[in-house]
């Protein structure tokens, strides 16, 4: 998997139980996944179509660092499916603990918001890398 984003949990990200608010983490993962999809598909016009089941496995506290990783699972004519995983960095032993993961589906759109094909050469290169 590739490191696609890093974040630091701030006080403003905390929910009522003194843990990172799940919606904030999902937002970070969606933004990272969308950016990754855009990079891989050579287009800024990638939108989120679907986020699969998300299981929040571990809490995140203020000041903790989150690393978000991505891996391409597949590519269609106008879409790309990505596995996205968030890990909490434990500085004392330099290990990473999985916080949550999910699969996300992004679609390539035109300026009118209509799904359009991803360039053929880009799709071929992605398929070769799988």
Protein backbone atom coordinates (compact mmCIF):
# COMPACT_ATOMS: atom_id res chain seq x y z
CA UNK A 1 0.00 0.00 0.00
CA UNK A 2 1.03 3.57 -0.59
CA UNK A 3 1.05 6.31 2.02
CA UNK A 4 -1.43 8.85 0.62
CA UNK A 5 -2.02 11.27 3.50
CA UNK A 6 -1.12 12.15 7.08
CA UNK A 7 -3.14 14.00 9.70
CA UNK A 8 -2.78 15.05 13.32
CA UNK A 9 -5.77 14.70 15.64
CA UNK A 10 -6.60 18.13 17.09
CA UNK A 11 -8.94 19.17 19.86
CA UNK A 12 -11.44 20.38 17.24
CA UNK A 13 -11.58 16.80 15.82
CA UNK A 14 -12.66 15.22 19.13
CA UNK A 15 -16.18 13.90 19.77
CA UNK A 16 -18.12 13.63 23.03
CA UNK A 17 -16.15 10.60 24.30
CA UNK A 18 -12.73 12.27 23.98
CA UNK A 19 -11.89 10.25 20.86
CA UNK A 20 -11.48 11.35 17.26
CA UNK A 21 -14.96 11.87 15.82
CA UNK A 22 -15.67 9.12 13.29
CA UNK A 23 -17.05 11.61 10.78
CA UNK A 24 -13.77 13.53 10.83
CA UNK A 25 -11.80 10.37 10.14
CA UNK A 26 -14.16 9.38 7.31
CA UNK A 27 -13.74 12.85 5.82
CA UNK A 28 -9.95 12.49 5.95
CA UNK A 29 -10.12 9.07 4.32
CA UNK A 30 -12.53 10.29 1.63
CA UNK A 31 -10.31 13.25 0.81
CA UNK A 32 -7.18 11.07 0.69
CA UNK A 33 -8.93 8.42 -1.41
CA UNK A 34 -10.26 11.00 -3.85
CA UNK A 35 -6.84 12.61 -4.20
CA UNK A 36 -5.25 9.18 -4.74
CA UNK A 37 -7.89 8.27 -7.35
CA UNK A 38 -7.31 11.59 -9.12
CA UNK A 39 -3.56 11.03 -9.15
CA UNK A 40 -3.83 7.48 -10.47
CA UNK A 41 -6.47 8.39 -13.09
CA UNK A 42 -4.66 11.58 -14.18
CA UNK A 43 -7.77 13.71 -13.63
CA UNK A 44 -9.02 16.06 -10.91
CA UNK A 45 -12.59 15.09 -11.78
CA UNK A 46 -13.03 12.08 -9.50
CA UNK A 47 -16.00 11.92 -7.13
CA UNK A 48 -16.96 9.48 -4.38
CA UNK A 49 -19.73 7.12 -5.42
CA UNK A 50 -19.62 4.58 -2.61
CA UNK A 51 -17.94 3.88 0.71
CA UNK A 52 -18.30 0.30 1.92
CA UNK A 53 -18.67 -0.82 5.52
CA UNK A 54 -16.35 0.94 7.95
CA UNK A 55 -15.34 -0.62 11.24
CA UNK A 56 -13.69 1.70 13.77
CA UNK A 57 -11.23 -0.67 15.46
CA UNK A 58 -9.21 1.63 17.75
CA UNK A 59 -9.70 5.10 19.26
CA UNK A 60 -7.58 8.11 18.36
CA UNK A 61 -6.71 10.80 20.89
CA UNK A 62 -5.59 14.43 20.61
CA UNK A 63 -2.02 14.84 19.27
CA UNK A 64 -1.92 11.37 17.74
CA UNK A 65 -0.79 11.10 14.15
CA UNK A 66 -2.82 9.24 11.53
CA UNK A 67 -1.33 7.82 8.36
CA UNK A 68 -3.73 6.98 5.55
CA UNK A 69 -2.76 4.33 3.01
CA UNK A 70 -4.34 3.37 -0.28
CA UNK A 71 -4.22 0.48 -2.75
CA UNK A 72 -6.05 0.09 -6.05
CA UNK A 73 -8.37 -2.91 -6.06
CA UNK A 74 -9.75 -2.55 -9.57
CA UNK A 75 -10.63 -0.23 -12.39
CA UNK A 76 -13.66 -0.02 -14.64
CA UNK A 77 -14.46 2.08 -17.67
CA UNK A 78 -15.23 5.20 -15.61
CA UNK A 79 -14.54 4.11 -12.03
CA UNK A 80 -11.76 3.02 -9.74
CA UNK A 81 -12.06 0.98 -6.54
CA UNK A 82 -9.57 1.70 -3.77
CA UNK A 83 -8.84 0.10 -0.41
CA UNK A 84 -8.20 2.85 2.15
CA UNK A 85 -6.74 2.20 5.61
CA UNK A 86 -6.07 4.63 8.48
CA UNK A 87 -3.33 3.78 10.97
CA UNK A 88 -2.36 5.50 14.22
CA UNK A 89 1.38 6.03 14.56
CA UNK A 90 2.82 4.97 17.93
CA UNK A 91 5.95 7.09 18.26
CA UNK A 92 7.50 5.14 21.13
CA UNK A 93 7.99 1.98 19.08
CA UNK A 94 7.43 3.43 15.57
CA UNK A 95 4.63 0.94 14.95
CA UNK A 96 1.33 1.63 13.27
CA UNK A 97 -2.01 0.44 14.62
CA UNK A 98 -4.94 0.04 12.22
CA UNK A 99 -7.74 2.39 13.24
CA UNK A 100 -10.17 1.62 10.42
CA UNK A 101 -10.37 0.60 6.78
CA UNK A 102 -12.85 0.49 3.95
CA UNK A 103 -13.23 0.15 0.20
CA UNK A 104 -14.18 3.25 -1.77
CA UNK A 105 -15.47 3.63 -5.30
CA UNK A 106 -14.69 6.81 -7.24
CA UNK A 107 -16.13 7.84 -10.61
CA UNK A 108 -14.59 10.02 -13.29
CA UNK A 109 -16.95 12.84 -14.34
CA UNK A 110 -17.02 15.63 -16.89
CA UNK A 111 -17.70 19.30 -16.13
CA UNK A 112 -21.45 18.62 -16.17
CA UNK A 113 -21.17 15.88 -13.53
CA UNK A 114 -21.78 13.02 -15.97
CA UNK A 115 -19.71 9.83 -15.69
CA UNK A 116 -17.17 9.60 -18.50
CA UNK A 117 -14.50 7.03 -19.34
CA UNK A 118 -11.05 7.18 -17.80
CA UNK A 119 -8.42 7.46 -20.54
CA UNK A 120 -7.70 4.05 -22.05
CA UNK A 121 -3.91 4.27 -21.61
CA UNK A 122 -4.38 5.16 -17.94
CA UNK A 123 -6.71 2.18 -17.40
CA UNK A 124 -4.29 -0.16 -19.15
CA UNK A 125 -1.38 1.05 -16.98
CA UNK A 126 -3.43 0.59 -13.81
CA UNK A 127 -4.46 -2.93 -14.82
CA UNK A 128 -0.80 -3.80 -15.48
CA UNK A 129 0.14 -2.58 -12.00
CA UNK A 130 -2.46 -4.73 -10.22
